[in-house]
């Protein structure tokens, strides 16, 4: 089981004083302190881990966020920012001696600028709400996580979320133009904006995907795109996962970049079809959904090319969407994969590794062996086009042994991803789930350099503590950590 830092008992002893201080800053119902009421904040979508926080604060204005962070900084109190709580990596897991700073009341769309093709929204706005707000004018917001009906745009920025259409249109980082962020000291900073290029260092890039460890986002300017003229989906079934994986590689190597390209294995196909009734073929080992979008003539040409590539890779079933309703139904199945698997298992753990596309067959074989080793079933769904895997490990959390086996199974999957040249995460973030696996990818100097960035923004280590870094060090010691591993370039410069 993963461990969190030991709580500061001196802070816990001052709880009543801290609650009173926060109520002076956020009046009314903005401070939640009753233990029963705080239970709803004790976990996120990585529900195997739970911790009731010291107190929950729900600010409504940027001024209140600034005041709360300034108070916490001055009194040495930890703060865990929280969006909609859909994090699958434990990114918003509370700490017993810290404040949960919930941004759910920041739920307004502030401006829609069609001329500059962007929208300015508060962080509590849900991902799908942005598209709903602009679709009447033929626009949409491209990143579309499966949880888009619930996940907030602030959380998407924190985790650099993706979705089924990120292959062609990019992750959150590629679709955010600017943010307003409150630093731990209470200072309010604007990075980027409606303009396409920012001056100076790419601090916007550093903040996007920083998992709430560098600041609290209070406003986001996102890019909106015009809806493509035509979009069609090709659904292809294969007798083996290896054939499907090779088809993915061949489509990309042919220079075709689909709007989305998703893959499911047989257990996932059956679970999804029973749930959504998308009329998926049930006699195949792997299913590929490829969406082509753009001008109609281009889409027709690409559909023909993809169909030929699929047939060359032993496709046993091939179906084209001939209407928008058919296309949406094909995607409805993939979008519902997570809740569908929830119907066939008491619990499941959703992993998130990314690999080179050509290694997909190797990794699938490796997961089959690991499934036998740990005696647990696994259903696989993938953002196949960019190699982002989402194995769903099925287990029963009421059985402590199964939970431990599931965690070890998941850790070995991620080690396998790194071994074949991939990375630990694609869009869910590190959080606590992958924290202790960071040394599989990074050496001590790598991690120290990353923690130096953390120290530059949060020298006391108060923001979202216990996440990402497997070993915590005092910021004052970080220079020593950097040279401990050996002589570095420019090691003769003054150490800090």
Protein backbone atom coordinates (compact mmCIF):
# COMPACT_ATOMS: atom_id res chain seq x y z
CA UNK A 1 0.00 0.00 0.00
CA UNK A 2 1.18 3.52 -0.75
CA UNK A 3 2.17 5.72 2.16
CA UNK A 4 1.57 9.43 2.70
CA UNK A 5 3.70 11.78 4.84
CA UNK A 6 3.00 11.68 8.56
CA UNK A 7 0.57 14.48 9.51
CA UNK A 8 1.77 17.43 11.53
CA UNK A 9 0.10 16.95 14.90
CA UNK A 10 0.73 20.58 15.87
CA UNK A 11 -1.38 21.70 12.90
CA UNK A 12 -4.14 19.22 13.78
CA UNK A 13 -4.14 20.51 17.37
CA UNK A 14 -4.81 24.02 16.03
CA UNK A 15 -7.76 22.90 13.89
CA UNK A 16 -10.41 25.04 15.62
CA UNK A 17 -8.22 28.13 15.31
CA UNK A 18 -7.55 27.41 11.62
CA UNK A 19 -11.24 26.84 10.85
CA UNK A 20 -12.10 30.15 12.51
CA UNK A 21 -9.39 31.93 10.55
CA UNK A 22 -10.63 30.50 7.26
CA UNK A 23 -14.26 31.39 8.04
CA UNK A 24 -13.18 34.99 8.45
CA UNK A 25 -11.79 34.83 4.88
CA UNK A 26 -14.57 32.78 3.25
CA UNK A 27 -17.85 33.51 5.08
CA UNK A 28 -21.21 31.77 4.86
CA UNK A 29 -21.13 28.14 3.74
CA UNK A 30 -17.66 28.43 2.22
CA UNK A 31 -15.93 26.43 4.97
CA UNK A 32 -16.91 22.80 5.56
CA UNK A 33 -15.61 21.47 8.86
CA UNK A 34 -18.09 18.82 10.05
CA UNK A 35 -16.46 15.35 9.70
CA UNK A 36 -19.57 13.80 8.11
CA UNK A 37 -19.79 16.58 5.50
CA UNK A 38 -16.10 16.30 4.67
CA UNK A 39 -16.47 12.61 3.82
CA UNK A 40 -17.46 13.47 0.26
CA UNK A 41 -13.99 14.96 -0.22
CA UNK A 42 -12.00 12.08 1.28
CA UNK A 43 -11.12 10.45 -2.05
CA UNK A 44 -11.13 10.94 -5.80
CA UNK A 45 -11.55 8.37 -8.58
CA UNK A 46 -8.62 6.36 -7.18
CA UNK A 47 -11.04 5.26 -4.49
CA UNK A 48 -8.79 2.64 -2.88
CA UNK A 49 -7.24 5.50 -0.90
CA UNK A 50 -9.20 7.72 1.49
CA UNK A 51 -8.35 10.46 3.95
CA UNK A 52 -10.65 13.00 5.61
CA UNK A 53 -8.98 16.43 5.36
CA UNK A 54 -8.41 18.92 8.14
CA UNK A 55 -11.00 21.26 6.61
CA UNK A 56 -12.59 22.00 3.22
CA UNK A 57 -12.77 25.52 1.79
CA UNK A 58 -15.00 26.40 -1.16
CA UNK A 59 -14.11 29.94 -2.29
CA UNK A 60 -16.19 31.89 -4.80
CA UNK A 61 -13.76 34.65 -5.84
CA UNK A 62 -10.13 34.94 -6.84
CA UNK A 63 -9.67 37.24 -3.86
CA UNK A 64 -10.81 34.49 -1.52
CA UNK A 65 -8.47 31.93 -3.14
CA UNK A 66 -5.62 34.41 -2.73
CA UNK A 67 -6.49 35.07 0.90
CA UNK A 68 -6.74 31.35 1.76
CA UNK A 69 -3.39 30.55 0.16
CA UNK A 70 -1.72 33.52 1.84
CA UNK A 71 -3.11 32.39 5.19
CA UNK A 72 -1.96 28.82 4.62
CA UNK A 73 1.52 29.99 3.58
CA UNK A 74 1.92 32.23 6.59
CA UNK A 75 0.80 29.49 9.01
CA UNK A 76 2.56 26.55 7.32
CA UNK A 77 -0.66 24.70 6.43
CA UNK A 78 -0.79 22.26 3.51
CA UNK A 79 -3.29 22.81 0.70
CA UNK A 80 -4.71 20.24 -1.74
CA UNK A 81 -6.47 21.88 -4.73
CA UNK A 82 -9.49 19.94 -5.97
CA UNK A 83 -11.63 20.14 -9.09
CA UNK A 84 -14.37 17.60 -9.79
CA UNK A 85 -12.53 14.76 -8.05
CA UNK A 86 -12.33 12.58 -11.17
CA UNK A 87 -8.55 12.09 -10.91
CA UNK A 88 -7.59 8.45 -11.49
CA UNK A 89 -4.10 8.83 -10.00
CA UNK A 90 -5.04 10.11 -6.55
CA UNK A 91 -4.08 13.63 -7.57
CA UNK A 92 -6.59 15.26 -5.22
CA UNK A 93 -6.29 12.85 -2.28
CA UNK A 94 -6.48 15.00 0.90
CA UNK A 95 -4.03 15.02 3.79
CA UNK A 96 -5.11 14.90 7.43
CA UNK A 97 -3.27 18.12 8.30
CA UNK A 98 -4.24 20.11 5.22
CA UNK A 99 -6.95 22.18 3.59
CA UNK A 100 -8.89 20.89 0.59
CA UNK A 101 -9.37 23.93 -1.64
CA UNK A 102 -12.36 23.10 -3.84
CA UNK A 103 -12.95 25.11 -7.02
CA UNK A 104 -16.45 23.81 -7.75
CA UNK A 105 -18.03 27.26 -7.37
CA UNK A 106 -15.84 28.65 -10.14
CA UNK A 107 -18.28 27.34 -12.71
CA UNK A 108 -18.95 30.18 -15.15
CA UNK A 109 -18.02 30.68 -18.79
CA UNK A 110 -16.75 34.25 -18.77
CA UNK A 111 -16.28 35.01 -22.46
CA UNK A 112 -16.64 33.36 -25.86
CA UNK A 113 -14.57 35.07 -28.54
CA UNK A 114 -15.39 33.50 -31.91
CA UNK A 115 -13.19 35.95 -33.81
CA UNK A 116 -10.12 34.80 -31.88
CA UNK A 117 -11.47 31.24 -31.61
CA UNK A 118 -11.16 30.98 -27.85
CA UNK A 119 -13.23 30.90 -24.69
CA UNK A 120 -12.40 32.16 -21.21
CA UNK A 121 -13.77 29.90 -18.49
CA UNK A 122 -13.47 29.33 -14.78
CA UNK A 123 -11.76 26.12 -13.63
CA UNK A 124 -14.94 24.47 -12.31
CA UNK A 125 -16.61 24.46 -15.75
CA UNK A 126 -16.91 20.90 -17.01
CA UNK A 127 -15.06 19.87 -20.13
CA UNK A 128 -18.21 19.05 -22.08
CA UNK A 129 -19.90 22.31 -21.07
CA UNK A 130 -17.42 24.25 -23.21
CA UNK A 131 -18.43 22.35 -26.34
CA UNK A 132 -22.10 22.66 -25.42
CA UNK A 133 -21.70 26.44 -25.12
CA UNK A 134 -20.16 26.91 -28.58
CA UNK A 135 -21.61 24.10 -30.70
CA UNK A 136 -24.53 26.26 -31.83
CA UNK A 137 -22.04 28.29 -33.84
CA UNK A 138 -20.32 25.20 -35.23
CA UNK A 139 -17.39 25.15 -32.77
CA UNK A 140 -16.16 22.67 -30.17
CA UNK A 141 -13.39 22.10 -27.60
CA UNK A 142 -11.17 19.28 -28.85
CA UNK A 143 -9.75 17.45 -25.76
CA UNK A 144 -12.45 14.99 -24.72
CA UNK A 145 -11.60 12.69 -21.79
CA UNK A 146 -14.06 9.86 -21.22
CA UNK A 147 -15.11 11.67 -18.03
CA UNK A 148 -15.80 14.90 -19.94
CA UNK A 149 -19.38 15.09 -18.72
CA UNK A 150 -18.04 15.50 -15.15
CA UNK A 151 -14.36 16.45 -15.16
CA UNK A 152 -13.51 20.14 -14.78
CA UNK A 153 -11.29 22.18 -17.06
CA UNK A 154 -9.11 23.16 -14.09
CA UNK A 155 -8.46 19.50 -13.38
CA UNK A 156 -7.75 18.93 -17.08
CA UNK A 157 -5.07 21.64 -16.91
CA UNK A 158 -3.60 20.14 -13.74
CA UNK A 159 -3.29 16.67 -15.29
CA UNK A 160 -2.80 17.68 -18.96
CA UNK A 161 -5.74 15.48 -19.87
CA UNK A 162 -6.26 14.00 -23.33
CA UNK A 163 -9.11 12.01 -24.80
CA UNK A 164 -10.04 10.05 -27.89
CA UNK A 165 -9.36 12.96 -30.25
CA UNK A 166 -5.98 14.00 -28.82
CA UNK A 167 -4.13 12.09 -31.58
CA UNK A 168 -4.92 14.79 -34.16
CA UNK A 169 -5.87 17.76 -32.03
CA UNK A 170 -3.53 17.47 -29.07
CA UNK A 171 -3.73 17.24 -25.31
CA UNK A 172 -4.90 20.01 -22.99
CA UNK A 173 -1.44 21.62 -23.28
CA UNK A 174 -2.02 22.09 -27.02
CA UNK A 175 -5.42 23.70 -26.49
CA UNK A 176 -4.85 26.08 -23.58
CA UNK A 177 -3.80 29.61 -24.53
CA UNK A 178 -3.64 31.21 -21.11
CA UNK A 179 -4.36 30.84 -17.42
CA UNK A 180 -4.75 32.93 -14.31
CA UNK A 181 -3.02 31.22 -11.41
CA UNK A 182 -2.74 32.06 -7.70
CA UNK A 183 0.64 31.23 -6.19
CA UNK A 184 1.01 29.77 -2.71
CA UNK A 185 1.94 33.23 -1.40
CA UNK A 186 -1.39 34.62 -2.60
CA UNK A 187 0.01 36.46 -5.63
CA UNK A 188 -2.17 36.38 -8.74
CA UNK A 189 -0.30 35.80 -12.02
CA UNK A 190 -1.49 35.69 -15.63
CA UNK A 191 0.33 33.48 -18.11
CA UNK A 192 -0.49 33.61 -21.82
CA UNK A 193 -3.82 34.88 -23.06
CA UNK A 194 -5.80 35.11 -26.28
CA UNK A 195 -2.64 35.66 -28.30
CA UNK A 196 -0.98 32.60 -29.84
CA UNK A 197 2.58 33.12 -28.62
CA UNK A 198 3.80 34.06 -25.15
CA UNK A 199 6.93 35.99 -24.38
CA UNK A 200 9.72 34.75 -22.11
CA UNK A 201 9.92 31.33 -20.51
CA UNK A 202 7.08 28.89 -21.17
CA UNK A 203 5.62 29.06 -17.67
CA UNK A 204 2.22 28.15 -19.11
CA UNK A 205 3.75 24.87 -20.27
CA UNK A 206 5.22 24.26 -16.82
CA UNK A 207 1.89 24.89 -15.11
CA UNK A 208 -0.08 22.63 -17.46
CA UNK A 209 0.30 19.13 -16.06
CA UNK A 210 1.86 20.30 -12.78
CA UNK A 211 -0.81 18.42 -10.76
CA UNK A 212 -1.69 21.30 -8.43
CA UNK A 213 1.83 21.44 -7.00
CA UNK A 214 2.85 24.88 -8.30
CA UNK A 215 -0.26 27.03 -8.01
CA UNK A 216 -4.05 27.13 -8.15
CA UNK A 217 -5.64 27.89 -11.52
CA UNK A 218 -8.59 30.29 -11.30
CA UNK A 219 -9.20 31.05 -14.99
CA UNK A 220 -8.44 29.29 -18.28
CA UNK A 221 -8.43 30.56 -21.86
CA UNK A 222 -8.96 27.62 -24.21
CA UNK A 223 -8.76 27.27 -27.97
CA UNK A 224 -12.04 26.37 -29.71
CA UNK A 225 -12.12 24.80 -33.16
CA UNK A 226 -14.61 24.79 -35.98
CA UNK A 227 -16.41 21.50 -36.32
CA UNK A 228 -15.10 19.51 -39.31
CA UNK A 229 -17.29 19.46 -42.41
CA UNK A 230 -17.47 15.67 -42.33
CA UNK A 231 -16.59 12.95 -39.81
CA UNK A 232 -16.93 9.20 -40.40
CA UNK A 233 -15.90 6.26 -38.26
CA UNK A 234 -14.51 2.94 -39.43
CA UNK A 235 -15.04 0.02 -37.05
CA UNK A 236 -12.73 -2.93 -37.66
CA UNK A 237 -12.57 -6.29 -35.88
CA UNK A 238 -9.43 -8.47 -35.86
CA UNK A 239 -8.75 -12.12 -35.02
CA UNK A 240 -5.76 -11.12 -32.85
CA UNK A 241 -4.61 -8.06 -30.93
CA UNK A 242 -1.31 -8.29 -32.79
CA UNK A 243 -3.12 -7.77 -36.11
CA UNK A 244 -4.95 -4.75 -34.69
CA UNK A 245 -1.72 -3.30 -33.33
CA UNK A 246 0.00 -3.69 -36.68
CA UNK A 247 -2.94 -2.00 -38.39
CA UNK A 248 -2.51 1.01 -36.09
CA UNK A 249 1.19 1.22 -36.96
CA UNK A 250 0.49 0.90 -40.68
CA UNK A 251 -2.15 3.66 -40.67
CA UNK A 252 0.23 6.11 -39.00
CA UNK A 253 3.20 5.11 -41.17
CA UNK A 254 1.03 5.75 -44.24
CA UNK A 255 0.88 9.40 -43.20
CA UNK A 256 -2.75 9.26 -42.09
CA UNK A 257 -3.56 11.09 -38.85
CA UNK A 258 -7.11 10.16 -37.83
CA UNK A 259 -9.23 12.41 -35.65
CA UNK A 260 -9.27 9.50 -33.23
CA UNK A 261 -8.10 5.90 -33.19
CA UNK A 262 -9.17 3.67 -30.31
CA UNK A 263 -8.73 -0.01 -29.58
CA UNK A 264 -10.45 -2.48 -27.23
CA UNK A 265 -9.72 -6.12 -26.50
CA UNK A 266 -12.31 -8.91 -26.22
CA UNK A 267 -13.22 -8.53 -22.51
CA UNK A 268 -13.75 -4.78 -22.99
CA UNK A 269 -15.76 -5.32 -26.20
CA UNK A 270 -18.20 -7.69 -24.49
CA UNK A 271 -18.60 -5.48 -21.41
CA UNK A 272 -19.22 -2.38 -23.51
CA UNK A 273 -21.67 -3.97 -25.94
CA UNK A 274 -23.79 -5.39 -23.11
CA UNK A 275 -23.88 -1.89 -21.58
CA UNK A 276 -24.40 0.37 -24.61
CA UNK A 277 -25.65 -2.07 -27.29
CA UNK A 278 -23.40 -0.52 -29.94
CA UNK A 279 -23.65 -3.69 -32.06
CA UNK A 280 -19.94 -4.44 -31.79
CA UNK A 281 -18.78 -7.79 -33.21
CA UNK A 282 -18.42 -10.24 -30.32
CA UNK A 283 -16.38 -12.90 -32.10
CA UNK A 284 -13.22 -10.79 -32.51
CA UNK A 285 -10.20 -10.52 -30.21
CA UNK A 286 -9.64 -6.81 -30.83
CA UNK A 287 -11.69 -3.90 -32.12
CA UNK A 288 -10.38 -0.71 -33.72
CA UNK A 289 -12.41 2.48 -34.18
CA UNK A 290 -10.83 4.96 -36.58
CA UNK A 291 -12.40 8.36 -37.17
CA UNK A 292 -11.52 10.42 -40.24
CA UNK A 293 -12.60 14.06 -40.43
CA UNK A 294 -12.27 17.01 -42.77
CA UNK A 295 -13.71 17.92 -46.19
CA UNK A 296 -16.04 15.21 -47.52
CA UNK A 297 -13.89 14.30 -50.50
CA UNK A 298 -10.81 13.93 -48.31
CA UNK A 299 -12.69 11.83 -45.75
CA UNK A 300 -14.02 9.47 -48.44
CA UNK A 301 -10.47 9.01 -49.76
CA UNK A 302 -9.04 8.33 -46.28
CA UNK A 303 -11.84 5.92 -45.39
CA UNK A 304 -10.97 3.88 -48.48
CA UNK A 305 -7.25 3.88 -47.60
CA UNK A 306 -7.86 2.88 -43.97
CA UNK A 307 -10.24 0.12 -45.08
CA UNK A 308 -7.59 -1.27 -47.39
CA UNK A 309 -4.91 -1.16 -44.67
CA UNK A 310 -7.31 -2.95 -42.30
CA UNK A 311 -8.01 -5.67 -44.85
CA UNK A 312 -4.28 -6.08 -45.45
CA UNK A 313 -3.97 -6.77 -41.70
CA UNK A 314 -6.49 -9.63 -41.71
CA UNK A 315 -9.57 -7.67 -40.65
CA UNK A 316 -12.46 -10.05 -40.04
CA UNK A 317 -15.13 -7.36 -39.68
CA UNK A 318 -15.32 -3.86 -41.18
CA UNK A 319 -18.18 -1.40 -40.84
CA UNK A 320 -18.46 2.27 -41.82
CA UNK A 321 -20.68 4.84 -40.18
CA UNK A 322 -23.11 6.23 -42.74
CA UNK A 323 -24.81 8.76 -40.51
CA UNK A 324 -23.96 10.97 -37.55
CA UNK A 325 -26.12 8.73 -35.34
CA UNK A 326 -24.08 5.65 -36.32
CA UNK A 327 -20.79 7.48 -35.69
CA UNK A 328 -21.90 8.65 -32.25
CA UNK A 329 -23.12 5.17 -31.32
CA UNK A 330 -19.74 3.66 -32.19
CA UNK A 331 -18.04 6.24 -29.97
CA UNK A 332 -20.65 5.87 -27.23
CA UNK A 333 -19.38 2.36 -26.63
CA UNK A 334 -15.77 3.44 -26.28
CA UNK A 335 -16.71 6.42 -24.10
CA UNK A 336 -18.67 4.10 -21.81
CA UNK A 337 -15.88 1.55 -21.39
CA UNK A 338 -15.11 2.46 -17.78
CA UNK A 339 -18.69 2.30 -16.42
CA UNK A 340 -19.32 -0.79 -18.57
CA UNK A 341 -16.43 -2.66 -16.93
CA UNK A 342 -17.80 -1.56 -13.56
CA UNK A 343 -20.80 -3.82 -14.22
CA UNK A 344 -18.68 -6.98 -14.48
CA UNK A 345 -16.40 -6.47 -11.48
CA UNK A 346 -16.87 -5.11 -7.95
CA UNK A 347 -13.87 -2.83 -8.51
CA UNK A 348 -11.30 -2.04 -11.15
CA UNK A 349 -8.06 -0.10 -11.30
CA UNK A 350 -7.48 1.97 -14.42
CA UNK A 351 -3.82 2.24 -15.39
CA UNK A 352 -2.31 4.83 -17.71
CA UNK A 353 0.97 4.07 -19.46
CA UNK A 354 2.22 5.16 -22.87
CA UNK A 355 4.37 3.12 -25.24
CA UNK A 356 5.81 3.33 -28.75
CA UNK A 357 3.01 2.15 -31.06
CA UNK A 358 5.09 -0.60 -32.63
CA UNK A 359 5.54 -2.26 -29.19
CA UNK A 360 1.78 -2.69 -28.63
CA UNK A 361 1.72 -6.44 -29.48
CA UNK A 362 4.68 -7.05 -27.13
CA UNK A 363 3.02 -5.20 -24.28
CA UNK A 364 -0.29 -6.98 -24.81
CA UNK A 365 1.48 -10.33 -24.60
CA UNK A 366 3.26 -9.16 -21.48
CA UNK A 367 -0.01 -8.13 -19.84
CA UNK A 368 -1.49 -11.55 -20.61
CA UNK A 369 1.39 -13.18 -18.74
CA UNK A 370 1.04 -10.75 -15.84
CA UNK A 371 -2.69 -11.50 -15.69
CA UNK A 372 -1.87 -15.17 -15.18
CA UNK A 373 0.83 -14.34 -12.61
CA UNK A 374 -1.47 -12.22 -10.45
CA UNK A 375 -4.61 -14.30 -11.10
CA UNK A 376 -6.63 -11.22 -12.02
CA UNK A 377 -8.55 -10.39 -15.17
CA UNK A 378 -7.73 -7.34 -17.26
CA UNK A 379 -9.76 -5.52 -19.91
CA UNK A 380 -7.88 -3.23 -22.25
CA UNK A 381 -8.89 0.04 -23.89
CA UNK A 382 -6.31 2.19 -25.68
CA UNK A 383 -5.81 5.54 -27.29
CA UNK A 384 -4.12 3.37 -29.88
CA UNK A 385 -2.96 6.15 -32.18
CA UNK A 386 -0.61 7.70 -29.62
CA UNK A 387 0.18 4.52 -27.67
CA UNK A 388 -1.67 5.55 -24.50
CA UNK A 389 -2.85 2.37 -22.74
CA UNK A 390 -5.67 2.07 -20.21
CA UNK A 391 -5.62 -1.49 -18.83
CA UNK A 392 -8.53 -2.03 -16.42
CA UNK A 393 -7.50 -4.50 -13.72
CA UNK A 394 -10.56 -6.23 -12.24
CA UNK A 395 -10.56 -7.04 -8.52
CA UNK A 396 -12.59 -6.96 -5.32
CA UNK A 397 -11.48 -4.24 -2.90
CA UNK A 398 -13.14 -6.12 -0.02
CA UNK A 399 -10.41 -8.73 -0.42
CA UNK A 400 -7.16 -7.19 0.86
CA UNK A 401 -5.09 -9.76 -1.00
CA UNK A 402 -6.80 -8.94 -4.31
CA UNK A 403 -6.22 -5.21 -3.78
CA UNK A 404 -2.52 -5.80 -3.15
CA UNK A 405 -2.27 -8.06 -6.20
CA UNK A 406 -4.05 -5.45 -8.31
CA UNK A 407 -1.61 -2.76 -7.22
CA UNK A 408 1.39 -4.96 -7.93
CA UNK A 409 -0.11 -5.99 -11.29
CA UNK A 410 -0.56 -2.34 -12.22
CA UNK A 411 2.96 -1.44 -11.14
CA UNK A 412 4.38 -4.22 -13.30
CA UNK A 413 2.37 -3.01 -16.31
CA UNK A 414 3.88 0.44 -15.91
CA UNK A 415 7.38 -1.02 -15.51
CA UNK A 416 6.77 -2.91 -18.75
CA UNK A 417 5.77 0.33 -20.48
CA UNK A 418 9.03 1.98 -19.41
CA UNK A 419 11.05 -1.10 -20.37
CA UNK A 420 9.84 -0.96 -24.00
CA UNK A 421 10.67 2.75 -24.29
CA UNK A 422 7.45 4.28 -22.98
CA UNK A 423 6.52 6.40 -19.99
CA UNK A 424 4.58 5.99 -16.75
CA UNK A 425 1.62 8.17 -17.69
CA UNK A 426 -0.13 9.63 -20.69
CA UNK A 427 -2.92 11.80 -19.28
CA UNK A 428 -3.85 10.75 -15.73
CA UNK A 429 -0.78 12.21 -14.08
CA UNK A 430 1.52 10.71 -11.45
CA UNK A 431 -0.34 11.63 -8.26
CA UNK A 432 0.21 9.00 -5.60
CA UNK A 433 -0.52 6.05 -7.88
CA UNK A 434 2.76 6.25 -9.83
CA UNK A 435 4.79 8.29 -7.36
CA UNK A 436 6.90 5.40 -6.08
CA UNK A 437 7.56 4.24 -9.65
CA UNK A 438 9.21 7.50 -10.70
CA UNK A 439 12.73 6.02 -10.16
CA UNK A 440 11.90 3.50 -12.90
CA UNK A 441 12.12 6.42 -15.35
CA UNK A 442 14.27 9.03 -13.63
CA UNK A 443 17.54 8.93 -11.74
CA UNK A 444 18.22 10.94 -8.61
CA UNK A 445 19.54 13.94 -10.52
CA UNK A 446 16.50 13.97 -12.85
CA UNK A 447 14.13 13.98 -9.88
CA UNK A 448 16.14 16.65 -8.08
CA UNK A 449 15.94 18.92 -11.11
CA UNK A 450 12.17 18.48 -11.23
CA UNK A 451 11.85 19.14 -7.51
CA UNK A 452 13.88 22.33 -7.96
CA UNK A 453 11.05 23.62 -10.14
CA UNK A 454 8.64 22.78 -7.32
CA UNK A 455 10.86 24.65 -4.86
CA UNK A 456 10.93 27.74 -7.07
CA UNK A 457 7.15 28.05 -6.76
CA UNK A 458 6.52 26.48 -3.34
CA UNK A 459 9.59 26.56 -1.13
CA UNK A 460 7.73 25.25 1.92
CA UNK A 461 6.24 22.28 0.05
CA UNK A 462 2.67 23.12 1.03
CA UNK A 463 0.84 22.58 -2.28
CA UNK A 464 -0.49 19.06 -2.87
CA UNK A 465 2.13 17.33 -0.67
CA UNK A 466 2.96 13.64 -1.01
CA UNK A 467 2.31 13.56 -4.75
CA UNK A 468 4.67 12.89 -7.69
CA UNK A 469 8.00 12.78 -5.81
CA UNK A 470 8.87 9.47 -4.12
CA UNK A 471 11.29 11.15 -1.72
CA UNK A 472 10.76 14.60 -0.25
CA UNK A 473 13.70 16.89 0.47
CA UNK A 474 13.91 20.33 1.98
CA UNK A 475 14.27 22.95 -0.74
CA UNK A 476 17.40 24.24 0.98
CA UNK A 477 19.03 20.84 0.41
CA UNK A 478 18.24 20.53 -3.29
CA UNK A 479 21.56 21.92 -4.54
CA UNK A 480 23.36 19.23 -2.56
CA UNK A 481 21.06 16.63 -4.08
CA UNK A 482 21.99 17.73 -7.59
CA UNK A 483 25.73 17.28 -7.15
CA UNK A 484 25.52 14.16 -5.01
CA UNK A 485 25.12 11.94 -8.08
CA UNK A 486 28.44 13.06 -9.58
CA UNK A 487 30.03 16.02 -11.33
CA UNK A 488 27.55 17.96 -13.43
CA UNK A 489 28.16 20.40 -16.26
CA UNK A 490 29.12 23.77 -14.75
CA UNK A 491 29.54 22.12 -11.32
CA UNK A 492 32.12 24.79 -10.52
CA UNK A 493 29.39 27.40 -10.34
CA UNK A 494 28.18 28.47 -6.85
CA UNK A 495 25.93 25.86 -5.28
CA UNK A 496 22.59 26.89 -3.87
